[in-house]
Amino acid sequence: MNKLSSLAAVAALSLGSVAAVQAADVTFAVGQSGESTMVYRLGTQFDFGTLRQYDSGRLTGYWDAGYTYWQGDETASNHSLSFSPVLVYEFAGETFRPYVEAGIGVALFASTELEDNDLGSSFQFEDRLGFGVRFADQEIGLRAVHYSNAGLKQPNDGSEAYTLHYRVSF
């Protein structure tokens, strides 16, 4: 736990330095894992702008850094830090702009145990798919995130989380 607390402090300081240079968005998420463990996530995003403009919408993306708390029983709770580039296709719209997103990043878990799953290592890859709607300086959406070490170490049970998230821009 001390190792993860130190990493969280370093991540927060680093994110604070980046946030001073460019505006950051904040995301709050709540959901469940595939094993019915409650999942709570706090994240920050830094847009990397429009990559391509189309008549039907635009391709954008953002860097995502987050802290996730996996609430299980005493032996099954866990914490993770993650970082991921995410590509987003935002459909054209005036007030409401639907979007779909996908990304692959990395995560570091405090423990290799998550409920009945043995992750094999603290290092995990984070794959995500999501969709939602953007309006004003906010968005609400659903996400499915899969964690796995890609067979780098056995066992590799992996885990999934399904969350409802809310994002606000500052």
N, C-alpha and C. Protein backbone atom coordinates (compact mmCIF):
# COMPACT_ATOMS: atom_id res chain seq x y z
N MET A 1 0.82 -1.19 0.00
CA MET A 1 0.00 0.00 0.00
C MET A 1 0.87 1.26 0.00
N ASN A 2 1.98 1.25 0.76
CA ASN A 2 2.86 2.40 0.78
C ASN A 2 3.45 2.68 -0.59
N LYS A 3 3.77 1.60 -1.34
CA LYS A 3 4.32 1.76 -2.69
C LYS A 3 3.32 2.50 -3.57
N LEU A 4 2.04 2.13 -3.49
CA LEU A 4 1.03 2.76 -4.33
C LEU A 4 0.76 4.19 -3.88
N SER A 5 0.81 4.45 -2.57
CA SER A 5 0.61 5.81 -2.07
C SER A 5 1.70 6.73 -2.59
N SER A 6 2.94 6.24 -2.61
CA SER A 6 4.05 7.03 -3.15
C SER A 6 3.86 7.29 -4.63
N LEU A 7 3.44 6.25 -5.37
CA LEU A 7 3.19 6.43 -6.80
C LEU A 7 2.06 7.41 -7.04
N ALA A 8 1.02 7.35 -6.21
CA ALA A 8 -0.12 8.27 -6.36
C ALA A 8 0.33 9.70 -6.13
N ALA A 9 1.19 9.92 -5.13
CA ALA A 9 1.69 11.27 -4.85
C ALA A 9 2.52 11.80 -6.01
N VAL A 10 3.38 10.97 -6.56
CA VAL A 10 4.20 11.38 -7.72
C VAL A 10 3.30 11.67 -8.91
N ALA A 11 2.30 10.83 -9.15
CA ALA A 11 1.37 11.04 -10.27
C ALA A 11 0.61 12.34 -10.09
N ALA A 12 0.15 12.62 -8.87
CA ALA A 12 -0.60 13.85 -8.62
C ALA A 12 0.26 15.08 -8.87
N LEU A 13 1.51 15.04 -8.41
CA LEU A 13 2.41 16.17 -8.65
C LEU A 13 2.69 16.35 -10.14
N SER A 14 2.89 15.24 -10.84
CA SER A 14 3.14 15.31 -12.29
C SER A 14 1.93 15.85 -13.02
N LEU A 15 0.75 15.37 -12.66
CA LEU A 15 -0.47 15.84 -13.31
C LEU A 15 -0.70 17.32 -13.01
N GLY A 16 -0.36 17.75 -11.79
CA GLY A 16 -0.48 19.16 -11.44
C GLY A 16 0.41 20.03 -12.30
N SER A 17 1.62 19.55 -12.60
CA SER A 17 2.53 20.30 -13.47
C SER A 17 1.99 20.41 -14.88
N VAL A 18 1.44 19.31 -15.39
CA VAL A 18 0.87 19.32 -16.74
C VAL A 18 -0.37 20.19 -16.78
N ALA A 19 -1.22 20.11 -15.72
CA ALA A 19 -2.45 20.88 -15.69
C ALA A 19 -2.17 22.38 -15.68
N ALA A 20 -1.04 22.78 -15.11
CA ALA A 20 -0.68 24.19 -15.11
C ALA A 20 -0.41 24.69 -16.53
N VAL A 21 0.02 23.80 -17.40
CA VAL A 21 0.34 24.16 -18.78
C VAL A 21 -0.89 24.15 -19.66
N GLN A 22 -1.80 23.20 -19.47
CA GLN A 22 -2.99 23.11 -20.30
C GLN A 22 -4.19 22.72 -19.46
N ALA A 23 -5.38 23.10 -19.91
CA ALA A 23 -6.60 22.81 -19.18
C ALA A 23 -6.85 21.31 -19.10
N ALA A 24 -7.37 20.88 -17.98
CA ALA A 24 -7.66 19.46 -17.78
C ALA A 24 -9.14 19.27 -17.53
N ASP A 25 -9.65 18.11 -17.93
CA ASP A 25 -11.01 17.70 -17.63
C ASP A 25 -10.94 16.69 -16.50
N VAL A 26 -12.02 16.57 -15.74
CA VAL A 26 -12.08 15.62 -14.63
C VAL A 26 -13.23 14.64 -14.90
N THR A 27 -12.98 13.36 -14.63
CA THR A 27 -13.99 12.32 -14.81
C THR A 27 -14.22 11.59 -13.50
N PHE A 28 -15.49 11.35 -13.20
CA PHE A 28 -15.91 10.54 -12.07
C PHE A 28 -16.65 9.34 -12.64
N ALA A 29 -16.34 8.14 -12.16
CA ALA A 29 -17.01 6.94 -12.68
C ALA A 29 -17.35 6.00 -11.55
N VAL A 30 -18.44 5.27 -11.72
CA VAL A 30 -18.84 4.25 -10.77
C VAL A 30 -19.41 3.08 -11.57
N GLY A 31 -19.14 1.87 -11.09
CA GLY A 31 -19.65 0.70 -11.79
C GLY A 31 -19.30 -0.57 -11.05
N GLN A 32 -19.25 -1.67 -11.81
CA GLN A 32 -18.94 -2.97 -11.22
C GLN A 32 -17.94 -3.71 -12.09
N SER A 33 -17.19 -4.58 -11.44
CA SER A 33 -16.30 -5.46 -12.18
C SER A 33 -17.10 -6.67 -12.66
N GLY A 34 -16.48 -7.51 -13.48
CA GLY A 34 -17.11 -8.73 -13.93
C GLY A 34 -17.43 -9.68 -12.79
N GLU A 35 -16.78 -9.48 -11.63
CA GLU A 35 -17.01 -10.31 -10.44
C GLU A 35 -17.93 -9.61 -9.45
N SER A 36 -18.61 -8.54 -9.88
CA SER A 36 -19.55 -7.76 -9.07
C SER A 36 -18.89 -6.96 -7.96
N THR A 37 -17.61 -6.66 -8.08
CA THR A 37 -16.94 -5.76 -7.16
C THR A 37 -17.27 -4.33 -7.57
N MET A 38 -17.60 -3.47 -6.61
CA MET A 38 -17.86 -2.07 -6.93
C MET A 38 -16.54 -1.41 -7.36
N VAL A 39 -16.63 -0.55 -8.36
CA VAL A 39 -15.47 0.14 -8.92
C VAL A 39 -15.74 1.64 -8.88
N TYR A 40 -14.80 2.41 -8.31
CA TYR A 40 -14.90 3.86 -8.26
C TYR A 40 -13.64 4.44 -8.90
N ARG A 41 -13.81 5.40 -9.81
CA ARG A 41 -12.65 5.93 -10.53
C ARG A 41 -12.69 7.45 -10.57
N LEU A 42 -11.53 8.05 -10.37
CA LEU A 42 -11.34 9.49 -10.52
C LEU A 42 -10.24 9.67 -11.55
N GLY A 43 -10.51 10.44 -12.60
CA GLY A 43 -9.52 10.59 -13.66
C GLY A 43 -9.40 12.02 -14.13
N THR A 44 -8.35 12.26 -14.88
CA THR A 44 -8.16 13.55 -15.51
C THR A 44 -7.76 13.32 -16.96
N GLN A 45 -8.24 14.18 -17.85
CA GLN A 45 -7.97 14.04 -19.27
C GLN A 45 -7.37 15.33 -19.83
N PHE A 46 -6.50 15.15 -20.81
CA PHE A 46 -5.88 16.26 -21.51
C PHE A 46 -6.08 16.02 -23.01
N ASP A 47 -6.95 16.81 -23.62
CA ASP A 47 -7.25 16.63 -25.05
C ASP A 47 -6.02 16.85 -25.91
N PHE A 48 -5.89 16.04 -26.97
CA PHE A 48 -4.86 16.34 -27.94
C PHE A 48 -5.46 16.85 -29.24
N GLY A 49 -6.68 17.38 -29.16
CA GLY A 49 -7.28 18.12 -30.25
C GLY A 49 -7.88 17.28 -31.36
N THR A 50 -8.38 17.99 -32.37
CA THR A 50 -8.99 17.34 -33.53
C THR A 50 -7.91 16.78 -34.42
N LEU A 51 -8.02 15.49 -34.73
CA LEU A 51 -7.05 14.83 -35.60
C LEU A 51 -7.53 14.85 -37.05
N ARG A 52 -8.85 14.79 -37.24
CA ARG A 52 -9.41 14.76 -38.59
C ARG A 52 -10.85 15.23 -38.53
N GLN A 53 -11.24 16.09 -39.46
CA GLN A 53 -12.59 16.61 -39.53
C GLN A 53 -13.34 15.95 -40.68
N TYR A 54 -14.58 15.53 -40.45
CA TYR A 54 -15.43 14.92 -41.47
C TYR A 54 -16.77 15.66 -41.49
N ASP A 55 -17.56 15.46 -42.55
CA ASP A 55 -18.89 16.05 -42.59
C ASP A 55 -19.78 15.50 -41.47
N SER A 56 -19.60 14.23 -41.12
CA SER A 56 -20.44 13.58 -40.11
C SER A 56 -19.93 13.76 -38.68
N GLY A 57 -18.74 14.33 -38.50
CA GLY A 57 -18.18 14.50 -37.17
C GLY A 57 -16.69 14.73 -37.22
N ARG A 58 -16.01 14.36 -36.14
CA ARG A 58 -14.56 14.56 -36.09
C ARG A 58 -13.89 13.49 -35.24
N LEU A 59 -12.64 13.20 -35.58
CA LEU A 59 -11.81 12.27 -34.82
C LEU A 59 -10.93 13.10 -33.89
N THR A 60 -11.04 12.84 -32.60
CA THR A 60 -10.27 13.55 -31.59
C THR A 60 -9.60 12.52 -30.69
N GLY A 61 -9.01 12.99 -29.63
CA GLY A 61 -8.43 12.09 -28.65
C GLY A 61 -8.01 12.81 -27.40
N TYR A 62 -7.65 12.03 -26.39
CA TYR A 62 -7.17 12.61 -25.14
C TYR A 62 -6.27 11.63 -24.42
N TRP A 63 -5.43 12.17 -23.55
CA TRP A 63 -4.62 11.37 -22.63
C TRP A 63 -5.43 11.23 -21.36
N ASP A 64 -5.53 10.04 -20.82
CA ASP A 64 -6.31 9.79 -19.62
C ASP A 64 -5.42 9.23 -18.53
N ALA A 65 -5.46 9.84 -17.35
CA ALA A 65 -4.75 9.32 -16.17
C ALA A 65 -5.79 9.15 -15.07
N GLY A 66 -5.76 8.01 -14.39
CA GLY A 66 -6.79 7.79 -13.38
C GLY A 66 -6.36 6.95 -12.21
N TYR A 67 -7.13 7.09 -11.14
CA TYR A 67 -7.00 6.27 -9.93
C TYR A 67 -8.31 5.51 -9.78
N THR A 68 -8.24 4.19 -9.60
CA THR A 68 -9.43 3.36 -9.44
C THR A 68 -9.35 2.60 -8.12
N TYR A 69 -10.47 2.61 -7.39
CA TYR A 69 -10.58 1.83 -6.16
C TYR A 69 -11.55 0.69 -6.43
N TRP A 70 -11.10 -0.52 -6.21
CA TRP A 70 -11.89 -1.73 -6.41
C TRP A 70 -12.34 -2.18 -5.04
N GLN A 71 -13.62 -2.01 -4.69
CA GLN A 71 -14.12 -2.30 -3.35
C GLN A 71 -14.61 -3.73 -3.25
N GLY A 72 -13.81 -4.57 -2.61
CA GLY A 72 -14.20 -5.95 -2.35
C GLY A 72 -14.25 -6.18 -0.86
N ASP A 73 -14.27 -7.44 -0.44
CA ASP A 73 -14.18 -7.69 0.99
C ASP A 73 -12.75 -7.38 1.44
N GLU A 74 -12.43 -7.61 2.70
CA GLU A 74 -11.13 -7.21 3.24
C GLU A 74 -9.94 -7.68 2.41
N THR A 75 -10.01 -8.88 1.88
CA THR A 75 -8.87 -9.42 1.14
C THR A 75 -8.95 -9.14 -0.35
N ALA A 76 -10.08 -8.59 -0.82
CA ALA A 76 -10.25 -8.45 -2.26
C ALA A 76 -10.21 -7.01 -2.75
N SER A 77 -10.18 -6.02 -1.87
CA SER A 77 -10.09 -4.62 -2.32
C SER A 77 -8.75 -4.38 -2.97
N ASN A 78 -8.72 -3.45 -3.90
CA ASN A 78 -7.49 -3.15 -4.61
C ASN A 78 -7.53 -1.70 -5.07
N HIS A 79 -6.38 -1.19 -5.49
CA HIS A 79 -6.25 0.16 -6.02
C HIS A 79 -5.43 0.05 -7.29
N SER A 80 -5.69 0.94 -8.24
CA SER A 80 -4.85 0.95 -9.45
C SER A 80 -4.69 2.37 -9.97
N LEU A 81 -3.55 2.61 -10.59
CA LEU A 81 -3.26 3.84 -11.32
C LEU A 81 -3.16 3.47 -12.78
N SER A 82 -3.70 4.31 -13.67
CA SER A 82 -3.66 3.97 -15.09
C SER A 82 -3.36 5.20 -15.93
N PHE A 83 -2.85 4.94 -17.13
CA PHE A 83 -2.55 6.00 -18.10
C PHE A 83 -2.80 5.44 -19.49
N SER A 84 -3.56 6.20 -20.30
CA SER A 84 -3.94 5.67 -21.61
C SER A 84 -4.21 6.78 -22.62
N PRO A 85 -3.75 6.61 -23.86
CA PRO A 85 -4.23 7.47 -24.94
C PRO A 85 -5.57 6.91 -25.42
N VAL A 86 -6.52 7.78 -25.71
CA VAL A 86 -7.86 7.35 -26.12
C VAL A 86 -8.25 8.10 -27.39
N LEU A 87 -8.71 7.36 -28.40
CA LEU A 87 -9.23 7.97 -29.63
C LEU A 87 -10.74 8.06 -29.53
N VAL A 88 -11.30 9.18 -30.01
CA VAL A 88 -12.73 9.43 -29.90
C VAL A 88 -13.26 9.87 -31.26
N TYR A 89 -14.38 9.26 -31.68
CA TYR A 89 -15.10 9.78 -32.85
C TYR A 89 -16.36 10.45 -32.31
N GLU A 90 -16.42 11.77 -32.49
CA GLU A 90 -17.54 12.57 -32.03
C GLU A 90 -18.41 12.93 -33.22
N PHE A 91 -19.67 12.49 -33.20
CA PHE A 91 -20.59 12.77 -34.29
C PHE A 91 -21.01 14.24 -34.25
N ALA A 92 -21.29 14.81 -35.42
CA ALA A 92 -21.68 16.21 -35.51
C ALA A 92 -23.01 16.43 -34.79
N GLY A 93 -23.16 17.59 -34.20
CA GLY A 93 -24.39 17.95 -33.51
C GLY A 93 -24.28 19.33 -32.93
N GLU A 94 -25.43 19.96 -32.73
CA GLU A 94 -25.45 21.31 -32.17
C GLU A 94 -25.38 21.27 -30.64
N THR A 95 -26.42 20.72 -30.03
CA THR A 95 -26.50 20.70 -28.57
C THR A 95 -25.90 19.43 -27.99
N PHE A 96 -26.29 18.27 -28.56
CA PHE A 96 -25.79 16.98 -28.09
C PHE A 96 -24.94 16.35 -29.19
N ARG A 97 -23.75 15.86 -28.80
CA ARG A 97 -22.84 15.23 -29.75
C ARG A 97 -22.50 13.83 -29.26
N PRO A 98 -23.14 12.80 -29.82
CA PRO A 98 -22.81 11.42 -29.44
C PRO A 98 -21.36 11.10 -29.83
N TYR A 99 -20.75 10.15 -29.12
CA TYR A 99 -19.38 9.76 -29.43
C TYR A 99 -19.17 8.29 -29.11
N VAL A 100 -18.12 7.73 -29.72
CA VAL A 100 -17.61 6.41 -29.38
C VAL A 100 -16.11 6.57 -29.13
N GLU A 101 -15.54 5.73 -28.26
CA GLU A 101 -14.13 5.87 -27.92
C GLU A 101 -13.48 4.50 -27.74
N ALA A 102 -12.17 4.47 -27.95
CA ALA A 102 -11.38 3.25 -27.74
C ALA A 102 -9.96 3.65 -27.36
N GLY A 103 -9.34 2.86 -26.50
CA GLY A 103 -7.98 3.15 -26.10
C GLY A 103 -7.28 1.93 -25.52
N ILE A 104 -5.97 1.96 -25.57
CA ILE A 104 -5.14 0.92 -24.95
C ILE A 104 -4.04 1.62 -24.18
N GLY A 105 -3.95 1.32 -22.88
CA GLY A 105 -2.94 1.95 -22.05
C GLY A 105 -2.36 0.95 -21.06
N VAL A 106 -1.84 1.48 -19.96
CA VAL A 106 -1.22 0.65 -18.93
C VAL A 106 -1.82 0.99 -17.57
N ALA A 107 -1.74 0.03 -16.64
CA ALA A 107 -2.22 0.22 -15.28
C ALA A 107 -1.27 -0.48 -14.32
N LEU A 108 -1.20 0.03 -13.12
CA LEU A 108 -0.39 -0.56 -12.06
C LEU A 108 -1.30 -0.80 -10.86
N PHE A 109 -1.45 -2.06 -10.48
CA PHE A 109 -2.30 -2.44 -9.36
C PHE A 109 -1.48 -2.57 -8.08
N ALA A 110 -2.10 -2.27 -6.94
CA ALA A 110 -1.43 -2.39 -5.65
C ALA A 110 -1.18 -3.85 -5.29
N SER A 111 -2.07 -4.74 -5.74
CA SER A 111 -1.97 -6.16 -5.44
C SER A 111 -2.28 -6.96 -6.70
N THR A 112 -1.76 -8.17 -6.78
CA THR A 112 -2.04 -9.01 -7.95
C THR A 112 -3.34 -9.79 -7.77
N GLU A 113 -3.99 -9.68 -6.62
CA GLU A 113 -5.26 -10.36 -6.36
C GLU A 113 -6.41 -9.37 -6.50
N LEU A 114 -7.45 -9.78 -7.22
CA LEU A 114 -8.67 -8.99 -7.36
C LEU A 114 -9.84 -9.95 -7.34
N GLU A 115 -10.58 -9.96 -6.20
CA GLU A 115 -11.62 -10.96 -5.96
C GLU A 115 -10.99 -12.34 -6.14
N ASP A 116 -11.56 -13.18 -7.00
CA ASP A 116 -11.03 -14.53 -7.20
C ASP A 116 -10.01 -14.60 -8.34
N ASN A 117 -9.65 -13.45 -8.89
CA ASN A 117 -8.71 -13.42 -10.02
C ASN A 117 -7.29 -13.19 -9.55
N ASP A 118 -6.37 -13.94 -10.13
CA ASP A 118 -4.94 -13.72 -9.91
C ASP A 118 -4.42 -13.04 -11.17
N LEU A 119 -4.10 -11.75 -11.06
CA LEU A 119 -3.68 -10.97 -12.21
C LEU A 119 -2.28 -11.37 -12.71
N GLY A 120 -1.50 -12.04 -11.88
CA GLY A 120 -0.17 -12.50 -12.29
C GLY A 120 0.91 -11.48 -12.04
N SER A 121 0.61 -10.20 -12.22
CA SER A 121 1.58 -9.13 -11.96
C SER A 121 0.81 -7.85 -11.66
N SER A 122 1.49 -6.90 -11.04
CA SER A 122 0.86 -5.60 -10.78
C SER A 122 0.69 -4.81 -12.07
N PHE A 123 1.59 -5.01 -13.03
CA PHE A 123 1.52 -4.33 -14.32
C PHE A 123 0.45 -4.97 -15.19
N GLN A 124 -0.46 -4.16 -15.70
CA GLN A 124 -1.54 -4.64 -16.56
C GLN A 124 -1.71 -3.70 -17.75
N PHE A 125 -2.22 -4.23 -18.84
CA PHE A 125 -2.64 -3.39 -19.95
C PHE A 125 -4.11 -3.07 -19.72
N GLU A 126 -4.52 -1.88 -20.15
CA GLU A 126 -5.90 -1.43 -19.99
C GLU A 126 -6.51 -1.18 -21.37
N ASP A 127 -7.48 -1.98 -21.75
CA ASP A 127 -8.18 -1.81 -23.03
C ASP A 127 -9.57 -1.28 -22.73
N ARG A 128 -10.01 -0.28 -23.49
CA ARG A 128 -11.32 0.30 -23.20
C ARG A 128 -12.14 0.56 -24.46
N LEU A 129 -13.44 0.43 -24.30
CA LEU A 129 -14.43 0.82 -25.30
C LEU A 129 -15.51 1.59 -24.57
N GLY A 130 -16.00 2.65 -25.20
CA GLY A 130 -17.05 3.42 -24.56
C GLY A 130 -17.89 4.18 -25.56
N PHE A 131 -19.00 4.70 -25.06
CA PHE A 131 -19.85 5.57 -25.87
C PHE A 131 -20.61 6.48 -24.93
N GLY A 132 -21.13 7.57 -25.47
CA GLY A 132 -21.88 8.50 -24.65
C GLY A 132 -22.31 9.70 -25.45
N VAL A 133 -22.58 10.78 -24.73
CA VAL A 133 -23.01 12.02 -25.37
C VAL A 133 -22.33 13.20 -24.68
N ARG A 134 -21.90 14.16 -25.49
CA ARG A 134 -21.29 15.39 -24.99
C ARG A 134 -22.29 16.53 -25.15
N PHE A 135 -22.31 17.42 -24.18
CA PHE A 135 -23.17 18.59 -24.23
C PHE A 135 -22.51 19.69 -23.40
N ALA A 136 -22.55 20.91 -23.93
CA ALA A 136 -21.87 22.04 -23.30
C ALA A 136 -20.42 21.63 -22.98
N ASP A 137 -19.99 21.78 -21.74
CA ASP A 137 -18.63 21.38 -21.33
C ASP A 137 -18.66 20.10 -20.50
N GLN A 138 -19.60 19.20 -20.81
CA GLN A 138 -19.78 17.99 -20.03
C GLN A 138 -20.00 16.79 -20.95
N GLU A 139 -19.90 15.61 -20.37
CA GLU A 139 -20.29 14.39 -21.08
C GLU A 139 -20.72 13.35 -20.06
N ILE A 140 -21.54 12.43 -20.53
CA ILE A 140 -21.94 11.28 -19.73
C ILE A 140 -21.88 10.07 -20.65
N GLY A 141 -21.39 8.96 -20.14
CA GLY A 141 -21.24 7.79 -21.00
C GLY A 141 -21.04 6.50 -20.23
N LEU A 142 -20.95 5.42 -20.99
CA LEU A 142 -20.70 4.09 -20.45
C LEU A 142 -19.39 3.58 -21.01
N ARG A 143 -18.65 2.82 -20.18
CA ARG A 143 -17.36 2.29 -20.58
C ARG A 143 -17.21 0.85 -20.13
N ALA A 144 -16.54 0.07 -20.97
CA ALA A 144 -16.11 -1.29 -20.61
C ALA A 144 -14.59 -1.28 -20.69
N VAL A 145 -13.94 -1.70 -19.60
CA VAL A 145 -12.48 -1.69 -19.53
C VAL A 145 -12.01 -3.09 -19.14
N HIS A 146 -11.02 -3.60 -19.88
CA HIS A 146 -10.45 -4.92 -19.61
C HIS A 146 -8.99 -4.75 -19.18
N TYR A 147 -8.61 -5.45 -18.12
CA TYR A 147 -7.24 -5.44 -17.62
C TYR A 147 -6.64 -6.82 -17.78
N SER A 148 -5.42 -6.88 -18.31
CA SER A 148 -4.72 -8.14 -18.52
C SER A 148 -3.24 -7.84 -18.66
N ASN A 149 -2.39 -8.80 -18.28
CA ASN A 149 -0.95 -8.58 -18.48
C ASN A 149 -0.48 -9.15 -19.82
N ALA A 150 -1.43 -9.52 -20.69
CA ALA A 150 -1.14 -10.02 -22.05
C ALA A 150 -0.25 -11.26 -22.05
N GLY A 151 -0.33 -12.04 -20.99
CA GLY A 151 0.45 -13.27 -20.92
C GLY A 151 1.91 -13.08 -20.58
N LEU A 152 2.29 -11.87 -20.15
CA LEU A 152 3.69 -11.63 -19.77
C LEU A 152 4.08 -12.42 -18.53
N LYS A 153 3.09 -12.70 -17.66
CA LYS A 153 3.34 -13.49 -16.46
C LYS A 153 2.10 -14.31 -16.16
N GLN A 154 2.30 -15.54 -15.74
CA GLN A 154 1.18 -16.44 -15.42
C GLN A 154 0.98 -16.47 -13.91
N PRO A 155 -0.24 -16.65 -13.43
CA PRO A 155 -1.48 -16.70 -14.21
C PRO A 155 -1.85 -15.32 -14.73
N ASN A 156 -2.78 -15.30 -15.65
CA ASN A 156 -3.21 -14.06 -16.28
C ASN A 156 -4.73 -14.06 -16.34
N ASP A 157 -5.37 -14.06 -15.15
CA ASP A 157 -6.83 -14.12 -15.11
C ASP A 157 -7.50 -12.87 -15.68
N GLY A 158 -6.89 -11.71 -15.49
CA GLY A 158 -7.48 -10.47 -15.98
C GLY A 158 -8.76 -10.11 -15.26
N SER A 159 -9.32 -8.96 -15.61
CA SER A 159 -10.55 -8.49 -15.00
C SER A 159 -11.19 -7.45 -15.90
N GLU A 160 -12.50 -7.27 -15.76
CA GLU A 160 -13.21 -6.26 -16.50
C GLU A 160 -13.94 -5.33 -15.53
N ALA A 161 -14.19 -4.11 -15.98
CA ALA A 161 -15.00 -3.15 -15.22
C ALA A 161 -15.95 -2.48 -16.20
N TYR A 162 -17.18 -2.28 -15.75
CA TYR A 162 -18.21 -1.63 -16.55
C TYR A 162 -18.71 -0.44 -15.75
N THR A 163 -18.53 0.78 -16.28
CA THR A 163 -18.82 1.96 -15.49
C THR A 163 -19.67 2.99 -16.23
N LEU A 164 -20.36 3.78 -15.45
CA LEU A 164 -21.05 4.97 -15.90
C LEU A 164 -20.14 6.13 -15.50
N HIS A 165 -19.82 7.01 -16.44
CA HIS A 165 -18.92 8.11 -16.09
C HIS A 165 -19.52 9.46 -16.45
N TYR A 166 -19.02 10.47 -15.74
CA TYR A 166 -19.39 11.86 -15.96
C TYR A 166 -18.10 12.65 -16.09
N ARG A 167 -17.99 13.47 -17.12
CA ARG A 167 -16.79 14.26 -17.37
C ARG A 167 -17.17 15.72 -17.47
N VAL A 168 -16.39 16.57 -16.82
CA VAL A 168 -16.62 18.01 -16.86
C VAL A 168 -15.32 18.71 -17.23
N SER A 169 -15.44 19.72 -18.09
CA SER A 169 -14.28 20.51 -18.52
C SER A 169 -14.17 21.78 -17.71
N PHE A 170 -12.96 22.16 -17.44
CA PHE A 170 -12.71 23.40 -16.71
C PHE A 170 -12.04 24.41 -17.60
